[in-house]
Each structure stands twice: as structure tokens, then as C-alpha cells.
Amino acid sequence: MDIFESFRPGASGWQFMWALLFVGAFMIAIAFERGYYIWVKANLNTRSFMTEIKKLVRAGKFSQAVELCDSLGDKALPKVVKAGLSLVARNQNVDFRAIQNSVDEGTLEVIPKLQERTGFLALIGNVATLIGLMGTIYGLILAFNAVGEAGYDAAQKSAFLAAGISAAMNTTLMGLAVAVPAITIYTFIHTKTVRLIDEIDEHTVKLINILTGNQ
């Protein structure tokens, strides 16, 4: 049976095929949204940005440094850096602990936005595999029932057997077709997110050292 025919209501295992199609559409939507946010909205050239920030901070131009952060919109690192710089711009006599607390607060606002919904991709990978497995078992039940059912001639048993095996194989294939991309995309997005968080930790520590005169 053609795999597209498996989506036709009444075909063996069509419920599982439509469930997997829905899960696959959900996976694509999350992948595009998270990919766009991580690689476009939150990402930037950290080396170039921090070089400019350090120049402004060492020159005492804290307000200009804050404006630079504002100009970069939703980028992750500038939001955290701005939290520390805004405090110093208002009062340049603040101590290390106050700056650290301000930066930590900014970090706690940014990191959840970087991580949200990414975990759904791993969940989808597991769910798609299990739905495919359910369809496989359902197809095999149909196949075994066809073989053992009395009252059917050889042609009918052969048709039911073929329908059961087709349902088993199609749902298995569809489940893997959703699960493999979901897990692969999750790995790429999760790795990039961890890298962004590591960059935030690294550069905010350097910034605090500059602001407190330790570098």
C-alpha cells in the first residue's frame, strides 16, 4: 500500500498516521521558532560586541555602553550586560556584590527564554517513536488475526495479512521520520543554547572584573 494511502480514513492504522502527522507538524513549528530565536534573535558576534563595551567602560562612557546594548534588541548577552551597566551608569560607586546581583538578575531573565520549548523536541522524538511502535503492534495484530481467523478464504486472508503488515511498516516509518529529525534538531539547538549561556557566563565575569577595577 502506498504510504499516502495510509492516511485515508478507513485504511489500516490511519489513526496512528494522522497522529504522527500532527506531531510532526508540531515539531516543525517548534524547530523553526526555536531556531530563529537562538540563531537570529538572541545570537551575535560576542567578541566584537564585548570589545566595544570594554572600550566604552574603560573610557567611563557607561551611558553610551547601555545605549549600545539597547540598540541590539533581544540579543541575549547585551541584555545581561545592560543589567550590570545600568546600575553603574546610575551610581559609579556601587560595590562588587551589587553589580554581581544585578548581572545575576539579568541572567535569570534571559536564560529561561533561551531554553523554553526546546525540551519539547526531545519529547516529540520519544512520543513519535512510541506512536509508531503502537501502530506497528496494531498492524501485527491485524496480520495475525487475519492468519488465524476462520471463515476467510486464502485470498481474503492474504489481503488482510498484507493490510496488517502495511500498517505496521508505514507507522514505523512515519514514526522514525518524525523522531529522527526531532532528536537531531534538538541536539543542535540545545548545543547552541549551552554555548550562548557559556558565553554569557564568561563575558559577564570579565565585565564585572573591569567594572570593579580587577582587570
N, C-alpha and C. Protein backbone atom coordinates (compact mmCIF):
# COMPACT_ATOMS: atom_id res chain seq x y z
N MET A 1 0.85 -1.20 0.00
CA MET A 1 0.00 0.00 0.00
C MET A 1 0.88 1.25 0.00
N ASP A 2 0.54 2.22 -0.83
CA ASP A 2 1.26 3.48 -0.86
C ASP A 2 1.14 4.15 0.51
N ILE A 3 2.24 4.75 0.97
CA ILE A 3 2.23 5.33 2.31
C ILE A 3 1.22 6.46 2.42
N PHE A 4 0.98 7.18 1.31
CA PHE A 4 0.00 8.27 1.36
C PHE A 4 -1.42 7.73 1.48
N GLU A 5 -1.64 6.53 0.98
CA GLU A 5 -2.94 5.89 1.12
C GLU A 5 -3.23 5.53 2.57
N SER A 6 -2.17 5.41 3.36
CA SER A 6 -2.33 5.05 4.77
C SER A 6 -3.01 6.16 5.57
N PHE A 7 -3.04 7.39 5.03
CA PHE A 7 -3.71 8.50 5.73
C PHE A 7 -5.21 8.53 5.43
N ARG A 8 -5.65 7.75 4.49
CA ARG A 8 -7.06 7.75 4.12
C ARG A 8 -7.88 7.10 5.24
N PRO A 9 -8.90 7.82 5.77
CA PRO A 9 -9.75 7.21 6.80
C PRO A 9 -10.32 5.89 6.32
N GLY A 10 -10.18 4.88 7.14
CA GLY A 10 -10.62 3.54 6.78
C GLY A 10 -9.46 2.62 6.48
N ALA A 11 -8.31 3.19 6.12
CA ALA A 11 -7.12 2.37 5.89
C ALA A 11 -6.61 1.85 7.23
N SER A 12 -5.97 0.71 7.21
CA SER A 12 -5.45 0.12 8.44
C SER A 12 -4.40 1.04 9.07
N GLY A 13 -4.61 1.40 10.31
CA GLY A 13 -3.66 2.22 11.05
C GLY A 13 -3.70 3.70 10.71
N TRP A 14 -4.75 4.18 10.05
CA TRP A 14 -4.78 5.59 9.65
C TRP A 14 -4.77 6.54 10.86
N GLN A 15 -5.33 6.08 11.98
CA GLN A 15 -5.34 6.94 13.18
C GLN A 15 -3.92 7.26 13.63
N PHE A 16 -3.05 6.27 13.59
CA PHE A 16 -1.66 6.47 14.01
C PHE A 16 -0.92 7.38 13.03
N MET A 17 -1.24 7.24 11.74
CA MET A 17 -0.58 8.06 10.74
C MET A 17 -0.94 9.54 10.91
N TRP A 18 -2.22 9.80 11.18
CA TRP A 18 -2.63 11.20 11.39
C TRP A 18 -2.08 11.76 12.70
N ALA A 19 -2.01 10.91 13.72
CA ALA A 19 -1.41 11.35 14.98
C ALA A 19 0.05 11.73 14.77
N LEU A 20 0.77 10.94 13.99
CA LEU A 20 2.18 11.23 13.71
C LEU A 20 2.33 12.47 12.83
N LEU A 21 1.39 12.67 11.92
CA LEU A 21 1.43 13.87 11.08
C LEU A 21 1.25 15.12 11.93
N PHE A 22 0.33 15.07 12.88
CA PHE A 22 0.11 16.19 13.78
C PHE A 22 1.35 16.45 14.64
N VAL A 23 1.93 15.39 15.17
CA VAL A 23 3.15 15.52 15.99
C VAL A 23 4.29 16.10 15.14
N GLY A 24 4.39 15.65 13.89
CA GLY A 24 5.43 16.15 13.00
C GLY A 24 5.26 17.63 12.70
N ALA A 25 4.02 18.07 12.48
CA ALA A 25 3.76 19.49 12.23
C ALA A 25 4.12 20.33 13.46
N PHE A 26 3.80 19.81 14.65
CA PHE A 26 4.15 20.49 15.89
C PHE A 26 5.66 20.61 16.04
N MET A 27 6.36 19.54 15.68
CA MET A 27 7.83 19.54 15.75
C MET A 27 8.43 20.59 14.81
N ILE A 28 7.92 20.68 13.59
CA ILE A 28 8.44 21.65 12.62
C ILE A 28 8.22 23.07 13.12
N ALA A 29 7.04 23.34 13.68
CA ALA A 29 6.74 24.68 14.19
C ALA A 29 7.71 25.08 15.31
N ILE A 30 7.93 24.17 16.26
CA ILE A 30 8.84 24.46 17.37
C ILE A 30 10.27 24.63 16.86
N ALA A 31 10.68 23.77 15.92
CA ALA A 31 12.04 23.83 15.40
C ALA A 31 12.32 25.16 14.73
N PHE A 32 11.37 25.64 13.91
CA PHE A 32 11.55 26.92 13.24
C PHE A 32 11.58 28.08 14.24
N GLU A 33 10.65 28.06 15.20
CA GLU A 33 10.58 29.14 16.18
C GLU A 33 11.84 29.19 17.05
N ARG A 34 12.27 28.03 17.55
CA ARG A 34 13.45 27.99 18.40
C ARG A 34 14.72 28.29 17.61
N GLY A 35 14.80 27.76 16.39
CA GLY A 35 15.98 28.02 15.56
C GLY A 35 16.12 29.49 15.25
N TYR A 36 15.00 30.13 14.92
CA TYR A 36 15.04 31.57 14.61
C TYR A 36 15.45 32.36 15.84
N TYR A 37 14.88 32.01 17.00
CA TYR A 37 15.20 32.77 18.21
C TYR A 37 16.67 32.61 18.61
N ILE A 38 17.16 31.38 18.56
CA ILE A 38 18.52 31.11 19.03
C ILE A 38 19.57 31.64 18.06
N TRP A 39 19.38 31.42 16.76
CA TRP A 39 20.43 31.79 15.80
C TRP A 39 20.29 33.21 15.25
N VAL A 40 19.10 33.77 15.34
CA VAL A 40 18.88 35.11 14.76
C VAL A 40 18.63 36.16 15.84
N LYS A 41 17.61 35.96 16.67
CA LYS A 41 17.23 37.00 17.63
C LYS A 41 18.20 37.11 18.80
N ALA A 42 18.67 35.98 19.33
CA ALA A 42 19.49 36.01 20.55
C ALA A 42 20.98 35.99 20.28
N ASN A 43 21.39 35.60 19.10
CA ASN A 43 22.81 35.40 18.80
C ASN A 43 23.46 36.67 18.27
N LEU A 44 24.74 36.84 18.51
CA LEU A 44 25.52 37.94 17.94
C LEU A 44 27.00 37.62 18.02
N ASN A 45 27.80 38.48 17.40
CA ASN A 45 29.25 38.33 17.46
C ASN A 45 29.72 38.85 18.82
N THR A 46 29.89 37.95 19.78
CA THR A 46 30.20 38.36 21.15
C THR A 46 31.57 39.03 21.26
N ARG A 47 32.52 38.56 20.48
CA ARG A 47 33.87 39.13 20.57
C ARG A 47 33.86 40.61 20.17
N SER A 48 33.18 40.91 19.06
CA SER A 48 33.11 42.29 18.59
C SER A 48 32.33 43.16 19.57
N PHE A 49 31.21 42.62 20.06
CA PHE A 49 30.39 43.38 21.00
C PHE A 49 31.13 43.70 22.29
N MET A 50 31.77 42.69 22.87
CA MET A 50 32.46 42.92 24.14
C MET A 50 33.69 43.81 23.98
N THR A 51 34.33 43.76 22.84
CA THR A 51 35.45 44.67 22.58
C THR A 51 34.99 46.11 22.65
N GLU A 52 33.83 46.39 22.02
CA GLU A 52 33.29 47.75 22.03
C GLU A 52 32.83 48.15 23.43
N ILE A 53 32.22 47.21 24.16
CA ILE A 53 31.76 47.50 25.52
C ILE A 53 32.94 47.82 26.43
N LYS A 54 34.02 47.05 26.30
CA LYS A 54 35.19 47.29 27.14
C LYS A 54 35.80 48.65 26.88
N LYS A 55 35.83 49.06 25.62
CA LYS A 55 36.35 50.39 25.29
C LYS A 55 35.53 51.48 25.96
N LEU A 56 34.22 51.36 25.89
CA LEU A 56 33.35 52.38 26.48
C LEU A 56 33.44 52.39 28.00
N VAL A 57 33.52 51.20 28.60
CA VAL A 57 33.60 51.12 30.06
C VAL A 57 34.91 51.70 30.56
N ARG A 58 36.00 51.37 29.91
CA ARG A 58 37.30 51.88 30.33
C ARG A 58 37.41 53.40 30.14
N ALA A 59 36.60 53.92 29.21
CA ALA A 59 36.58 55.37 29.00
C ALA A 59 35.56 56.06 29.91
N GLY A 60 34.85 55.27 30.71
CA GLY A 60 33.87 55.83 31.62
C GLY A 60 32.56 56.22 30.95
N LYS A 61 32.34 55.76 29.73
CA LYS A 61 31.13 56.12 28.98
C LYS A 61 30.05 55.05 29.20
N PHE A 62 29.56 54.98 30.42
CA PHE A 62 28.61 53.92 30.77
C PHE A 62 27.26 54.10 30.09
N SER A 63 26.81 55.33 29.96
CA SER A 63 25.52 55.58 29.30
C SER A 63 25.56 55.16 27.84
N GLN A 64 26.69 55.41 27.18
CA GLN A 64 26.83 55.00 25.78
C GLN A 64 26.87 53.48 25.66
N ALA A 65 27.47 52.84 26.64
CA ALA A 65 27.51 51.38 26.65
C ALA A 65 26.10 50.80 26.81
N VAL A 66 25.30 51.43 27.67
CA VAL A 66 23.91 51.00 27.84
C VAL A 66 23.12 51.20 26.55
N GLU A 67 23.35 52.32 25.88
CA GLU A 67 22.68 52.60 24.60
C GLU A 67 23.06 51.56 23.54
N LEU A 68 24.31 51.15 23.55
CA LEU A 68 24.76 50.12 22.61
C LEU A 68 24.01 48.81 22.86
N CYS A 69 23.84 48.46 24.13
CA CYS A 69 23.08 47.24 24.47
C CYS A 69 21.63 47.36 24.02
N ASP A 70 21.04 48.54 24.23
CA ASP A 70 19.65 48.76 23.82
C ASP A 70 19.48 48.63 22.31
N SER A 71 20.48 49.08 21.57
CA SER A 71 20.39 49.07 20.11
C SER A 71 20.37 47.66 19.53
N LEU A 72 20.78 46.67 20.32
CA LEU A 72 20.85 45.30 19.83
C LEU A 72 19.61 44.47 20.14
N GLY A 73 18.60 45.12 20.68
CA GLY A 73 17.30 44.47 20.84
C GLY A 73 17.30 43.27 21.76
N ASP A 74 16.87 42.12 21.22
CA ASP A 74 16.67 40.91 22.02
C ASP A 74 17.90 40.01 22.12
N LYS A 75 19.06 40.48 21.69
CA LYS A 75 20.26 39.67 21.80
C LYS A 75 20.50 39.30 23.26
N ALA A 76 20.92 38.07 23.50
CA ALA A 76 20.99 37.55 24.87
C ALA A 76 22.06 38.24 25.71
N LEU A 77 23.31 38.25 25.23
CA LEU A 77 24.40 38.81 26.02
C LEU A 77 24.21 40.30 26.32
N PRO A 78 23.84 41.14 25.34
CA PRO A 78 23.63 42.56 25.65
C PRO A 78 22.59 42.81 26.73
N LYS A 79 21.56 41.97 26.80
CA LYS A 79 20.55 42.16 27.85
C LYS A 79 21.15 41.97 29.24
N VAL A 80 22.00 40.95 29.37
CA VAL A 80 22.63 40.69 30.67
C VAL A 80 23.66 41.77 30.99
N VAL A 81 24.46 42.15 30.00
CA VAL A 81 25.47 43.19 30.19
C VAL A 81 24.81 44.51 30.58
N LYS A 82 23.68 44.79 29.94
CA LYS A 82 22.96 46.04 30.25
C LYS A 82 22.54 46.10 31.71
N ALA A 83 22.15 44.95 32.27
CA ALA A 83 21.71 44.92 33.67
C ALA A 83 22.79 45.43 34.60
N GLY A 84 24.04 45.02 34.34
CA GLY A 84 25.15 45.49 35.17
C GLY A 84 25.54 46.92 34.87
N LEU A 85 25.56 47.27 33.58
CA LEU A 85 25.98 48.62 33.19
C LEU A 85 24.99 49.68 33.64
N SER A 86 23.70 49.35 33.62
CA SER A 86 22.68 50.32 34.03
C SER A 86 22.86 50.72 35.48
N LEU A 87 23.21 49.75 36.31
CA LEU A 87 23.45 50.04 37.73
C LEU A 87 24.64 50.96 37.90
N VAL A 88 25.71 50.68 37.18
CA VAL A 88 26.92 51.51 37.29
C VAL A 88 26.69 52.89 36.69
N ALA A 89 25.89 52.97 35.62
CA ALA A 89 25.61 54.27 34.99
C ALA A 89 24.86 55.18 35.95
N ARG A 90 24.00 54.59 36.80
CA ARG A 90 23.26 55.40 37.77
C ARG A 90 24.11 55.78 38.97
N ASN A 91 25.00 54.88 39.36
CA ASN A 91 25.85 55.14 40.54
C ASN A 91 27.17 54.41 40.36
N GLN A 92 28.22 55.12 40.06
CA GLN A 92 29.50 54.50 39.76
C GLN A 92 30.24 54.01 41.00
N ASN A 93 29.68 54.24 42.18
CA ASN A 93 30.34 53.82 43.41
C ASN A 93 29.78 52.51 43.98
N VAL A 94 29.05 51.76 43.16
CA VAL A 94 28.48 50.51 43.63
C VAL A 94 29.58 49.46 43.82
N ASP A 95 29.35 48.51 44.72
CA ASP A 95 30.37 47.51 45.01
C ASP A 95 30.19 46.26 44.14
N PHE A 96 31.12 45.34 44.30
CA PHE A 96 31.13 44.11 43.50
C PHE A 96 29.84 43.33 43.68
N ARG A 97 29.39 43.18 44.92
CA ARG A 97 28.21 42.37 45.20
C ARG A 97 26.97 42.93 44.51
N ALA A 98 26.80 44.24 44.52
CA ALA A 98 25.64 44.86 43.88
C ALA A 98 25.65 44.62 42.38
N ILE A 99 26.83 44.76 41.77
CA ILE A 99 26.94 44.52 40.33
C ILE A 99 26.67 43.05 40.01
N GLN A 100 27.22 42.15 40.82
CA GLN A 100 27.02 40.72 40.62
C GLN A 100 25.53 40.36 40.71
N ASN A 101 24.84 40.92 41.70
CA ASN A 101 23.42 40.65 41.86
C ASN A 101 22.62 41.16 40.66
N SER A 102 22.99 42.33 40.17
CA SER A 102 22.29 42.90 39.01
C SER A 102 22.49 42.04 37.77
N VAL A 103 23.73 41.57 37.56
CA VAL A 103 24.03 40.71 36.42
C VAL A 103 23.31 39.37 36.57
N ASP A 104 23.30 38.82 37.77
CA ASP A 104 22.60 37.55 38.00
C ASP A 104 21.11 37.68 37.70
N GLU A 105 20.54 38.81 38.08
CA GLU A 105 19.12 39.05 37.80
C GLU A 105 18.87 39.09 36.29
N GLY A 106 19.75 39.76 35.56
CA GLY A 106 19.63 39.81 34.11
C GLY A 106 19.78 38.43 33.49
N THR A 107 20.70 37.64 34.02
CA THR A 107 20.91 36.28 33.53
C THR A 107 19.69 35.41 33.74
N LEU A 108 19.07 35.54 34.90
CA LEU A 108 17.88 34.74 35.22
C LEU A 108 16.69 35.11 34.35
N GLU A 109 16.69 36.31 33.80
CA GLU A 109 15.63 36.71 32.88
C GLU A 109 15.87 36.17 31.47
N VAL A 110 17.13 36.07 31.08
CA VAL A 110 17.48 35.70 29.71
C VAL A 110 17.50 34.19 29.50
N ILE A 111 18.11 33.45 30.42
CA ILE A 111 18.32 32.01 30.22
C ILE A 111 17.02 31.23 30.01
N PRO A 112 15.96 31.47 30.80
CA PRO A 112 14.72 30.74 30.53
C PRO A 112 14.17 30.97 29.12
N LYS A 113 14.35 32.16 28.58
CA LYS A 113 13.89 32.44 27.22
C LYS A 113 14.71 31.68 26.19
N LEU A 114 15.99 31.45 26.49
CA LEU A 114 16.82 30.66 25.59
C LEU A 114 16.43 29.18 25.61
N GLN A 115 16.00 28.71 26.76
CA GLN A 115 15.75 27.28 26.93
C GLN A 115 14.31 26.86 26.71
N GLU A 116 13.36 27.80 26.73
CA GLU A 116 11.95 27.41 26.70
C GLU A 116 11.58 26.69 25.39
N ARG A 117 10.76 25.70 25.54
CA ARG A 117 10.20 24.88 24.45
C ARG A 117 11.20 23.97 23.74
N THR A 118 12.49 24.14 23.97
CA THR A 118 13.46 23.27 23.32
C THR A 118 13.27 21.81 23.75
N GLY A 119 12.95 21.62 25.01
CA GLY A 119 12.75 20.26 25.53
C GLY A 119 11.61 19.52 24.85
N PHE A 120 10.66 20.27 24.26
CA PHE A 120 9.56 19.62 23.56
C PHE A 120 10.05 18.80 22.37
N LEU A 121 11.16 19.22 21.76
CA LEU A 121 11.69 18.49 20.61
C LEU A 121 12.15 17.09 21.01
N ALA A 122 12.81 16.98 22.16
CA ALA A 122 13.21 15.66 22.66
C ALA A 122 11.98 14.83 23.01
N LEU A 123 10.99 15.49 23.62
CA LEU A 123 9.74 14.79 23.96
C LEU A 123 9.06 14.27 22.70
N ILE A 124 9.00 15.10 21.67
CA ILE A 124 8.37 14.71 20.41
C ILE A 124 9.09 13.52 19.80
N GLY A 125 10.41 13.52 19.86
CA GLY A 125 11.17 12.39 19.34
C GLY A 125 10.77 11.09 20.01
N ASN A 126 10.62 11.13 21.32
CA ASN A 126 10.22 9.92 22.05
C ASN A 126 8.77 9.53 21.78
N VAL A 127 7.89 10.54 21.76
CA VAL A 127 6.47 10.27 21.54
C VAL A 127 6.23 9.71 20.14
N ALA A 128 6.90 10.29 19.13
CA ALA A 128 6.74 9.80 17.75
C ALA A 128 7.19 8.34 17.63
N THR A 129 8.28 8.02 18.29
CA THR A 129 8.75 6.63 18.27
C THR A 129 7.72 5.69 18.89
N LEU A 130 7.13 6.11 20.00
CA LEU A 130 6.16 5.26 20.69
C LEU A 130 4.85 5.14 19.90
N ILE A 131 4.42 6.24 19.27
CA ILE A 131 3.21 6.15 18.44
C ILE A 131 3.46 5.23 17.26
N GLY A 132 4.64 5.35 16.65
CA GLY A 132 4.99 4.44 15.56
C GLY A 132 5.00 3.00 16.03
N LEU A 133 5.50 2.76 17.24
CA LEU A 133 5.52 1.40 17.79
C LEU A 133 4.11 0.89 18.04
N MET A 134 3.24 1.77 18.52
CA MET A 134 1.85 1.37 18.72
C MET A 134 1.22 0.96 17.39
N GLY A 135 1.50 1.75 16.34
CA GLY A 135 0.97 1.40 15.02
C GLY A 135 1.54 0.10 14.51
N THR A 136 2.80 -0.15 14.81
CA THR A 136 3.43 -1.42 14.41
C THR A 136 2.74 -2.60 15.08
N ILE A 137 2.52 -2.49 16.37
CA ILE A 137 1.85 -3.57 17.11
C ILE A 137 0.43 -3.76 16.60
N TYR A 138 -0.26 -2.64 16.33
CA TYR A 138 -1.62 -2.72 15.81
C TYR A 138 -1.64 -3.46 14.47
N GLY A 139 -0.71 -3.13 13.59
CA GLY A 139 -0.63 -3.78 12.29
C GLY A 139 -0.33 -5.27 12.41
N LEU A 140 0.56 -5.61 13.34
CA LEU A 140 0.88 -7.02 13.53
C LEU A 140 -0.31 -7.79 14.10
N ILE A 141 -1.09 -7.15 14.97
CA ILE A 141 -2.30 -7.80 15.50
C ILE A 141 -3.27 -8.10 14.36
N LEU A 142 -3.43 -7.11 13.46
CA LEU A 142 -4.30 -7.33 12.31
C LEU A 142 -3.80 -8.49 11.45
N ALA A 143 -2.48 -8.52 11.25
CA ALA A 143 -1.90 -9.57 10.42
C ALA A 143 -2.10 -10.95 11.04
N PHE A 144 -1.86 -11.09 12.33
CA PHE A 144 -2.00 -12.38 13.00
C PHE A 144 -3.47 -12.80 13.07
N ASN A 145 -4.35 -11.82 13.28
CA ASN A 145 -5.77 -12.14 13.30
C ASN A 145 -6.24 -12.67 11.94
N ALA A 146 -5.69 -12.07 10.88
CA ALA A 146 -6.07 -12.49 9.53
C ALA A 146 -5.64 -13.93 9.27
N VAL A 147 -4.45 -14.27 9.74
CA VAL A 147 -3.94 -15.63 9.52
C VAL A 147 -4.75 -16.65 10.32
N GLY A 148 -5.13 -16.28 11.55
CA GLY A 148 -5.79 -17.25 12.42
C GLY A 148 -7.29 -17.25 12.33
N GLU A 149 -7.88 -16.29 11.60
CA GLU A 149 -9.34 -16.17 11.54
C GLU A 149 -9.94 -17.26 10.64
N ALA A 150 -10.93 -17.94 11.16
CA ALA A 150 -11.63 -18.96 10.36
C ALA A 150 -12.73 -18.30 9.53
N GLY A 151 -13.07 -18.91 8.43
CA GLY A 151 -14.16 -18.40 7.61
C GLY A 151 -13.71 -17.56 6.44
N TYR A 152 -12.41 -17.25 6.36
CA TYR A 152 -11.89 -16.49 5.24
C TYR A 152 -11.18 -17.44 4.28
N ASP A 153 -11.32 -17.15 2.99
CA ASP A 153 -10.58 -17.95 2.03
C ASP A 153 -9.15 -17.43 1.93
N ALA A 154 -8.34 -18.09 1.13
CA ALA A 154 -6.91 -17.73 1.04
C ALA A 154 -6.71 -16.32 0.53
N ALA A 155 -7.52 -15.89 -0.42
CA ALA A 155 -7.37 -14.55 -0.99
C ALA A 155 -7.69 -13.48 0.04
N GLN A 156 -8.75 -13.71 0.82
CA GLN A 156 -9.12 -12.74 1.86
C GLN A 156 -8.06 -12.66 2.95
N LYS A 157 -7.57 -13.83 3.38
CA LYS A 157 -6.51 -13.84 4.39
C LYS A 157 -5.26 -13.12 3.90
N SER A 158 -4.94 -13.34 2.63
CA SER A 158 -3.76 -12.68 2.05
C SER A 158 -3.94 -11.17 2.04
N ALA A 159 -5.15 -10.71 1.72
CA ALA A 159 -5.42 -9.27 1.68
C ALA A 159 -5.32 -8.66 3.07
N PHE A 160 -5.93 -9.33 4.07
CA PHE A 160 -5.88 -8.83 5.44
C PHE A 160 -4.45 -8.85 5.99
N LEU A 161 -3.73 -9.90 5.64
CA LEU A 161 -2.33 -10.02 6.08
C LEU A 161 -1.50 -8.88 5.50
N ALA A 162 -1.70 -8.61 4.21
CA ALA A 162 -0.96 -7.52 3.57
C ALA A 162 -1.31 -6.18 4.18
N ALA A 163 -2.59 -5.95 4.49
CA ALA A 163 -3.02 -4.69 5.10
C ALA A 163 -2.40 -4.51 6.48
N GLY A 164 -2.36 -5.61 7.26
CA GLY A 164 -1.76 -5.52 8.60
C GLY A 164 -0.28 -5.22 8.56
N ILE A 165 0.44 -5.93 7.68
CA ILE A 165 1.88 -5.69 7.57
C ILE A 165 2.16 -4.29 7.04
N SER A 166 1.33 -3.84 6.09
CA SER A 166 1.50 -2.48 5.55
C SER A 166 1.31 -1.44 6.63
N ALA A 167 0.27 -1.62 7.46
CA ALA A 167 0.03 -0.68 8.57
C ALA A 167 1.21 -0.67 9.53
N ALA A 168 1.75 -1.85 9.83
CA ALA A 168 2.88 -1.94 10.75
C ALA A 168 4.10 -1.21 10.21
N MET A 169 4.41 -1.44 8.93
CA MET A 169 5.60 -0.85 8.35
C MET A 169 5.45 0.66 8.13
N ASN A 170 4.27 1.09 7.69
CA ASN A 170 4.06 2.52 7.42
C ASN A 170 4.10 3.35 8.69
N THR A 171 3.50 2.84 9.77
CA THR A 171 3.53 3.60 11.02
C THR A 171 4.94 3.62 11.61
N THR A 172 5.66 2.53 11.44
CA THR A 172 7.05 2.51 11.90
C THR A 172 7.88 3.54 11.15
N LEU A 173 7.73 3.56 9.84
CA LEU A 173 8.48 4.51 9.02
C LEU A 173 8.11 5.94 9.36
N MET A 174 6.82 6.21 9.49
CA MET A 174 6.37 7.56 9.80
C MET A 174 6.86 8.01 11.17
N GLY A 175 6.82 7.10 12.14
CA GLY A 175 7.31 7.44 13.47
C GLY A 175 8.77 7.81 13.47
N LEU A 176 9.58 7.04 12.74
CA LEU A 176 11.01 7.34 12.65
C LEU A 176 11.26 8.60 11.85
N ALA A 177 10.42 8.85 10.84
CA ALA A 177 10.58 10.05 10.01
C ALA A 177 10.34 11.32 10.82
N VAL A 178 9.56 11.22 11.88
CA VAL A 178 9.34 12.35 12.77
C VAL A 178 10.39 12.37 13.88
N ALA A 179 10.69 11.22 14.46
CA ALA A 179 11.57 11.14 15.63
C ALA A 179 13.01 11.52 15.31
N VAL A 180 13.54 11.02 14.20
CA VAL A 180 14.95 11.28 13.88
C VAL A 180 15.23 12.77 13.70
N PRO A 181 14.46 13.50 12.86
CA PRO A 181 14.70 14.95 12.76
C PRO A 181 14.50 15.68 14.08
N ALA A 182 13.48 15.26 14.86
CA ALA A 182 13.21 15.94 16.13
C ALA A 182 14.41 15.85 17.07
N ILE A 183 14.96 14.65 17.21
CA ILE A 183 16.10 14.47 18.12
C ILE A 183 17.35 15.16 17.57
N THR A 184 17.54 15.12 16.26
CA THR A 184 18.70 15.79 15.65
C THR A 184 18.62 17.29 15.84
N ILE A 185 17.46 17.87 15.55
CA ILE A 185 17.28 19.32 15.70
C ILE A 185 17.42 19.72 17.17
N TYR A 186 16.87 18.91 18.06
CA TYR A 186 17.00 19.19 19.49
C TYR A 186 18.47 19.26 19.90
N THR A 187 19.26 18.34 19.40
CA THR A 187 20.69 18.31 19.75
C THR A 187 21.40 19.58 19.29
N PHE A 188 21.13 20.01 18.05
CA PHE A 188 21.76 21.22 17.53
C PHE A 188 21.33 22.46 18.33
N ILE A 189 20.03 22.58 18.59
CA ILE A 189 19.54 23.76 19.31
C ILE A 189 20.02 23.76 20.75
N HIS A 190 20.00 22.60 21.39
CA HIS A 190 20.47 22.51 22.78
C HIS A 190 21.96 22.86 22.88
N THR A 191 22.75 22.36 21.93
CA THR A 191 24.18 22.65 21.94
C THR A 191 24.44 24.14 21.76
N LYS A 192 23.71 24.77 20.84
CA LYS A 192 23.88 26.21 20.62
C LYS A 192 23.43 27.00 21.83
N THR A 193 22.37 26.57 22.48
CA THR A 193 21.87 27.26 23.68
C THR A 193 22.90 27.20 24.81
N VAL A 194 23.48 26.04 25.00
CA VAL A 194 24.52 25.89 26.03
C VAL A 194 25.70 26.79 25.73
N ARG A 195 26.06 26.89 24.44
CA ARG A 195 27.17 27.75 24.06
C ARG A 195 26.86 29.22 24.36
N LEU A 196 25.64 29.64 24.10
CA LEU A 196 25.24 31.02 24.39
C LEU A 196 25.30 31.29 25.90
N ILE A 197 24.83 30.34 26.69
CA ILE A 197 24.86 30.51 28.14
C ILE A 197 26.30 30.56 28.65
N ASP A 198 27.16 29.73 28.10
CA ASP A 198 28.58 29.76 28.49
C ASP A 198 29.21 31.10 28.14
N GLU A 199 28.86 31.65 26.98
CA GLU A 199 29.39 32.96 26.58
C GLU A 199 28.91 34.05 27.53
N ILE A 200 27.65 33.96 27.95
CA ILE A 200 27.12 34.94 28.91
C ILE A 200 27.90 34.86 30.21
N ASP A 201 28.11 33.65 30.72
CA ASP A 201 28.86 33.49 31.97
C ASP A 201 30.28 34.04 31.84
N GLU A 202 30.94 33.69 30.74
CA GLU A 202 32.33 34.12 30.54
C GLU A 202 32.45 35.64 30.47
N HIS A 203 31.64 36.26 29.64
CA HIS A 203 31.80 37.69 29.39
C HIS A 203 31.25 38.55 30.53
N THR A 204 30.26 38.06 31.25
CA THR A 204 29.77 38.86 32.39
C THR A 204 30.80 38.87 33.52
N VAL A 205 31.50 37.76 33.71
CA VAL A 205 32.56 37.74 34.72
C VAL A 205 33.66 38.74 34.35
N LYS A 206 34.04 38.75 33.08
CA LYS A 206 35.06 39.70 32.62
C LYS A 206 34.57 41.13 32.79
N LEU A 207 33.30 41.38 32.49
CA LEU A 207 32.75 42.73 32.63
C LEU A 207 32.77 43.18 34.09
N ILE A 208 32.36 42.29 34.99
CA ILE A 208 32.36 42.65 36.41
C ILE A 208 33.76 42.98 36.89
N ASN A 209 34.76 42.22 36.43
CA ASN A 209 36.15 42.49 36.80
C ASN A 209 36.60 43.86 36.32
N ILE A 210 36.16 44.23 35.12
CA ILE A 210 36.51 45.56 34.59
C ILE A 210 35.81 46.65 35.41
N LEU A 211 34.53 46.45 35.68
CA LEU A 211 33.77 47.47 36.42
C LEU A 211 34.28 47.66 37.83
N THR A 212 34.80 46.61 38.43
CA THR A 212 35.27 46.71 39.83
C THR A 212 36.77 46.97 39.92
N GLY A 213 37.40 47.16 38.75
CA GLY A 213 38.81 47.51 38.74
C GLY A 213 39.76 46.36 38.95
N ASN A 214 39.24 45.10 38.74
CA ASN A 214 40.11 43.94 38.91
C ASN A 214 40.77 43.50 37.62
N GLN A 215 40.56 44.26 36.54
CA GLN A 215 41.18 43.88 35.26
C GLN A 215 41.52 45.15 34.49
